[in-house]
Amino acid sequence: MKAEEVIADLYSKTGESNVYGIDVADGKVKDVNEIGIYDCWDTKSWAFKLCVDAVLTILKVDQIIMSKPSGGPNMSSQAARRPDGYDD
């Protein structure tokens, strides 16, 4: 299935009504009431919770990496020096 096409079709159909879903057997967006495909809300809820948890974990790891000092020059020791190179 081409994700861009399927999602674009799903967006256009759900603009009309919220009873459309993706039939994974043929990759088409169809009215779920007509073809009898139903999902359990609890399954979708847990999938969403786990997805958000994975994203938050990635963001936390990224934040830890970005907050770690890079080992460059120590700015606090250089801040006390005068720009002309002479110390008081």
C-alpha atoms as a PDB file:
ATOM      1  CA  MET A   1       0.000   0.000   0.000  1.00  0.00           C
ATOM      2  CA  LYS A   2       1.156   3.525  -0.694  1.00  0.00           C
ATOM      3  CA  ALA A   3       0.710   5.327   2.616  1.00  0.00           C
ATOM      4  CA  GLU A   4       0.378   8.809   1.118  1.00  0.00           C
ATOM      5  CA  GLU A   5      -2.467   7.769  -1.172  1.00  0.00           C
ATOM      6  CA  VAL A   6      -4.319   5.780   1.477  1.00  0.00           C
ATOM      7  CA  ILE A   7      -4.066   8.537   4.098  1.00  0.00           C
ATOM      8  CA  ALA A   8      -5.103  11.223   1.596  1.00  0.00           C
ATOM      9  CA  ASP A   9      -8.125   9.123   0.607  1.00  0.00           C
ATOM     10  CA  LEU A  10      -8.957   8.494   4.267  1.00  0.00           C
ATOM     11  CA  TYR A  11      -8.781  12.226   5.061  1.00  0.00           C
ATOM     12  CA  SER A  12     -11.075  13.086   2.178  1.00  0.00           C
ATOM     13  CA  LYS A  13     -13.618  10.411   3.138  1.00  0.00           C
ATOM     14  CA  THR A  14     -13.622  11.210   6.874  1.00  0.00           C
ATOM     15  CA  GLY A  15     -14.355  14.831   6.004  1.00  0.00           C
ATOM     16  CA  GLU A  16     -17.761  13.607   4.858  1.00  0.00           C
ATOM     17  CA  SER A  17     -18.394  11.152   7.690  1.00  0.00           C
ATOM     18  CA  ASN A  18     -16.458   9.319  10.392  1.00  0.00           C
ATOM     19  CA  VAL A  19     -17.564   5.822   9.384  1.00  0.00           C
ATOM     20  CA  TYR A  20     -14.695   5.191   6.974  1.00  0.00           C
ATOM     21  CA  GLY A  21     -11.711   2.971   7.577  1.00  0.00           C
ATOM     22  CA  ILE A  22      -8.961   1.165   5.725  1.00  0.00           C
ATOM     23  CA  ASP A  23      -9.614  -2.359   4.516  1.00  0.00           C
ATOM     24  CA  VAL A  24      -6.130  -3.883   4.708  1.00  0.00           C
ATOM     25  CA  ALA A  25      -7.142  -6.779   2.473  1.00  0.00           C
ATOM     26  CA  ASP A  26      -7.156  -4.557  -0.618  1.00  0.00           C
ATOM     27  CA  GLY A  27      -5.849  -1.223   0.743  1.00  0.00           C
ATOM     28  CA  LYS A  28      -9.006   0.716  -0.075  1.00  0.00           C
ATOM     29  CA  VAL A  29     -10.874   3.180   2.132  1.00  0.00           C
ATOM     30  CA  LYS A  30     -14.390   1.877   2.668  1.00  0.00           C
ATOM     31  CA  ASP A  31     -17.484   2.436   4.787  1.00  0.00           C
ATOM     32  CA  VAL A  32     -16.957   0.117   7.759  1.00  0.00           C
ATOM     33  CA  ASN A  33     -20.695  -0.343   8.281  1.00  0.00           C
ATOM     34  CA  GLU A  34     -21.139  -1.742   4.777  1.00  0.00           C
ATOM     35  CA  ILE A  35     -18.263  -4.231   4.942  1.00  0.00           C
ATOM     36  CA  GLY A  36     -18.613  -5.124   8.645  1.00  0.00           C
ATOM     37  CA  ILE A  37     -15.111  -4.240   9.819  1.00  0.00           C
ATOM     38  CA  TYR A  38     -15.018  -2.914  13.361  1.00  0.00           C
ATOM     39  CA  ASP A  39     -12.177  -2.166  15.757  1.00  0.00           C
ATOM     40  CA  CYS A  40     -12.236  -2.273  19.489  1.00  0.00           C
ATOM     41  CA  TRP A  41     -11.829   1.238  20.941  1.00  0.00           C
ATOM     42  CA  ASP A  42      -9.738  -0.174  23.769  1.00  0.00           C
ATOM     43  CA  THR A  43      -7.207  -1.514  21.257  1.00  0.00           C
ATOM     44  CA  LYS A  44      -6.907   1.877  19.563  1.00  0.00           C
ATOM     45  CA  SER A  45      -6.637   3.611  22.918  1.00  0.00           C
ATOM     46  CA  TRP A  46      -3.748   1.413  24.047  1.00  0.00           C
ATOM     47  CA  ALA A  47      -2.015   1.743  20.684  1.00  0.00           C
ATOM     48  CA  PHE A  48      -2.214   5.518  20.993  1.00  0.00           C
ATOM     49  CA  LYS A  49      -0.953   5.464  24.597  1.00  0.00           C
ATOM     50  CA  LEU A  50       2.009   3.266  23.666  1.00  0.00           C
ATOM     51  CA  CYS A  51       2.817   5.451  20.661  1.00  0.00           C
ATOM     52  CA  VAL A  52       2.843   8.586  22.818  1.00  0.00           C
ATOM     53  CA  ASP A  53       4.992   6.796  25.396  1.00  0.00           C
ATOM     54  CA  ALA A  54       7.544   5.853  22.704  1.00  0.00           C
ATOM     55  CA  VAL A  55       7.659   9.426  21.395  1.00  0.00           C
ATOM     56  CA  LEU A  56       8.137  10.864  24.889  1.00  0.00           C
ATOM     57  CA  THR A  57      10.956   8.399  25.572  1.00  0.00           C
ATOM     58  CA  ILE A  58      12.722   9.449  22.363  1.00  0.00           C
ATOM     59  CA  LEU A  59      12.318  13.116  23.275  1.00  0.00           C
ATOM     60  CA  LYS A  60      13.682  12.520  26.784  1.00  0.00           C
ATOM     61  CA  VAL A  61      16.760  10.746  25.409  1.00  0.00           C
ATOM     62  CA  ASP A  62      17.289  13.563  22.913  1.00  0.00           C
ATOM     63  CA  GLN A  63      16.991  16.133  25.697  1.00  0.00           C
ATOM     64  CA  ILE A  64      19.588  14.263  27.783  1.00  0.00           C
ATOM     65  CA  ILE A  65      21.989  14.135  24.845  1.00  0.00           C
ATOM     66  CA  MET A  66      21.534  17.840  24.070  1.00  0.00           C
ATOM     67  CA  SER A  67      21.982  18.945  27.705  1.00  0.00           C
ATOM     68  CA  LYS A  68      25.269  17.091  28.151  1.00  0.00           C
ATOM     69  CA  PRO A  69      28.320  19.383  27.923  1.00  0.00           C
ATOM     70  CA  SER A  70      30.266  18.896  24.725  1.00  0.00           C
ATOM     71  CA  GLY A  71      33.729  19.163  26.285  1.00  0.00           C
ATOM     72  CA  GLY A  72      34.580  22.509  24.683  1.00  0.00           C
ATOM     73  CA  PRO A  73      36.469  25.327  26.384  1.00  0.00           C
ATOM     74  CA  ASN A  74      35.477  26.177  29.904  1.00  0.00           C
ATOM     75  CA  MET A  75      33.675  29.508  29.566  1.00  0.00           C
ATOM     76  CA  SER A  76      33.632  30.269  33.303  1.00  0.00           C
ATOM     77  CA  SER A  77      37.446  30.326  33.522  1.00  0.00           C
ATOM     78  CA  GLN A  78      37.733  32.472  30.385  1.00  0.00           C
ATOM     79  CA  ALA A  79      35.107  34.954  31.556  1.00  0.00           C
ATOM     80  CA  ALA A  80      37.489  36.340  34.218  1.00  0.00           C
ATOM     81  CA  ARG A  81      40.190  37.186  31.648  1.00  0.00           C
ATOM     82  CA  ARG A  82      40.453  40.589  30.060  1.00  0.00           C
ATOM     83  CA  PRO A  83      40.065  40.834  26.287  1.00  0.00           C
ATOM     84  CA  ASP A  84      43.560  42.314  25.854  1.00  0.00           C
ATOM     85  CA  GLY A  85      45.146  39.165  27.312  1.00  0.00           C
ATOM     86  CA  TYR A  86      46.427  40.771  30.515  1.00  0.00           C
ATOM     87  CA  ASP A  87      45.147  39.645  33.860  1.00  0.00           C
ATOM     88  CA  ASP A  88      44.677  42.063  36.741  1.00  0.00           C
END
